Amino acid sequence: MVSRVEMLKPVNRHLLIVPHVKKNETSTGVILPEDYSPEQDQYIEASVIDIATDCDKQFRHLRYGNIDNNRIVVDRSMIQEVTLKD
């Protein structure tokens, strides 16, 4: 069975990524509300799932590379979240 993420195919020089988001937890282990947002870093680490076929050659190695070597750093404002159905 194919997962929902694998069904998405990026086009127009886009990358399909999974951002590595930190949980809203303090150092004391207290869980904070989801709507609480302390100052966030401008850049975030993400794992690349797929890339569009028209991406530059420096990104092409991410398509065929080892899953451990597909991490990138992106500007948080450049991430677009896509919600399908649920």
Protein backbone atom coordinates (compact mmCIF):
# COMPACT_ATOMS: atom_id res chain seq x y z
CA MET A 1 0.00 0.00 0.00
CA VAL A 2 1.30 3.45 -0.93
CA SER A 3 1.36 6.10 1.80
CA ARG A 4 -0.29 9.48 1.24
CA VAL A 5 3.07 11.24 1.17
CA GLU A 6 4.33 8.98 -1.63
CA MET A 7 1.23 9.81 -3.69
CA LEU A 8 2.24 13.50 -3.83
CA LYS A 9 4.50 14.41 -6.74
CA PRO A 10 6.28 17.78 -6.64
CA VAL A 11 6.44 19.86 -9.86
CA ASN A 12 7.71 23.31 -10.90
CA ARG A 13 11.03 23.08 -9.03
CA HIS A 14 9.46 22.18 -5.70
CA LEU A 15 10.70 19.72 -3.09
CA LEU A 16 8.50 17.39 -1.06
CA ILE A 17 9.84 17.48 2.50
CA VAL A 18 8.98 16.45 6.02
CA PRO A 19 10.05 19.22 8.43
CA HIS A 20 11.64 18.24 11.73
CA VAL A 21 9.43 20.14 14.16
CA LYS A 22 10.26 20.37 17.85
CA LYS A 23 7.53 19.46 20.30
CA ASN A 24 6.10 22.17 22.56
CA GLU A 25 7.79 20.89 25.67
CA THR A 26 9.78 22.79 28.27
CA SER A 27 13.01 21.58 29.83
CA THR A 28 11.00 20.56 32.89
CA GLY A 29 8.90 18.20 30.77
CA VAL A 30 5.74 20.32 30.89
CA ILE A 31 3.74 20.10 27.68
CA LEU A 32 2.60 23.47 26.37
CA PRO A 33 -0.63 24.18 24.44
CA GLU A 34 -0.44 23.72 20.66
CA ASP A 35 -1.30 27.37 20.00
CA TYR A 36 1.60 28.57 22.20
CA SER A 37 4.41 29.73 19.94
CA PRO A 38 7.64 30.96 21.46
CA GLU A 39 10.06 32.73 19.17
CA GLN A 40 10.77 30.30 16.34
CA ASP A 41 14.02 29.90 14.44
CA GLN A 42 14.02 31.21 10.90
CA TYR A 43 15.55 28.00 9.56
CA ILE A 44 14.43 24.42 10.12
CA GLU A 45 15.88 21.03 9.26
CA ALA A 46 13.85 18.79 6.97
CA SER A 47 14.08 15.43 5.21
CA VAL A 48 13.60 15.40 1.43
CA ILE A 49 11.06 12.82 0.22
CA ASP A 50 10.99 13.72 -3.48
CA ILE A 51 12.02 16.49 -5.86
CA ALA A 52 10.53 17.82 -9.08
CA THR A 53 12.16 16.61 -12.28
CA ASP A 54 13.04 20.16 -13.32
CA CYS A 55 15.15 20.91 -10.21
CA ASP A 56 18.78 21.89 -10.65
CA LYS A 57 21.36 19.14 -10.79
CA GLN A 58 22.68 19.92 -7.29
CA PHE A 59 19.36 18.60 -5.89
CA ARG A 60 19.12 15.51 -8.08
CA HIS A 61 21.33 13.43 -5.78
CA LEU A 62 18.61 13.77 -3.12
CA ARG A 63 16.20 11.74 -5.25
CA TYR A 64 18.46 8.70 -5.47
CA GLY A 65 20.56 9.21 -2.36
CA ASN A 66 20.62 7.35 0.89
CA ILE A 67 17.76 8.27 3.20
CA ASP A 68 20.30 9.32 5.88
CA ASN A 69 21.86 11.86 3.50
CA ASN A 70 18.68 13.65 2.40
CA ARG A 71 18.49 16.24 5.16
CA ILE A 72 18.46 19.92 4.24
CA VAL A 73 17.99 23.26 5.99
CA VAL A 74 15.17 25.45 4.70
CA ASP A 75 13.77 28.87 5.49
CA ARG A 76 10.62 28.28 7.54
CA SER A 77 8.72 30.93 5.55
CA MET A 78 9.30 28.98 2.32
CA ILE A 79 7.46 25.88 3.55
CA GLN A 80 3.92 25.40 2.27
CA GLU A 81 1.78 22.90 4.15
CA VAL A 82 -0.62 20.87 2.01
CA THR A 83 -3.64 19.27 3.65
CA LEU A 84 -5.62 16.67 1.73
CA LYS A 85 -9.03 15.49 2.92
CA ASP A 86 -8.39 14.91 6.65
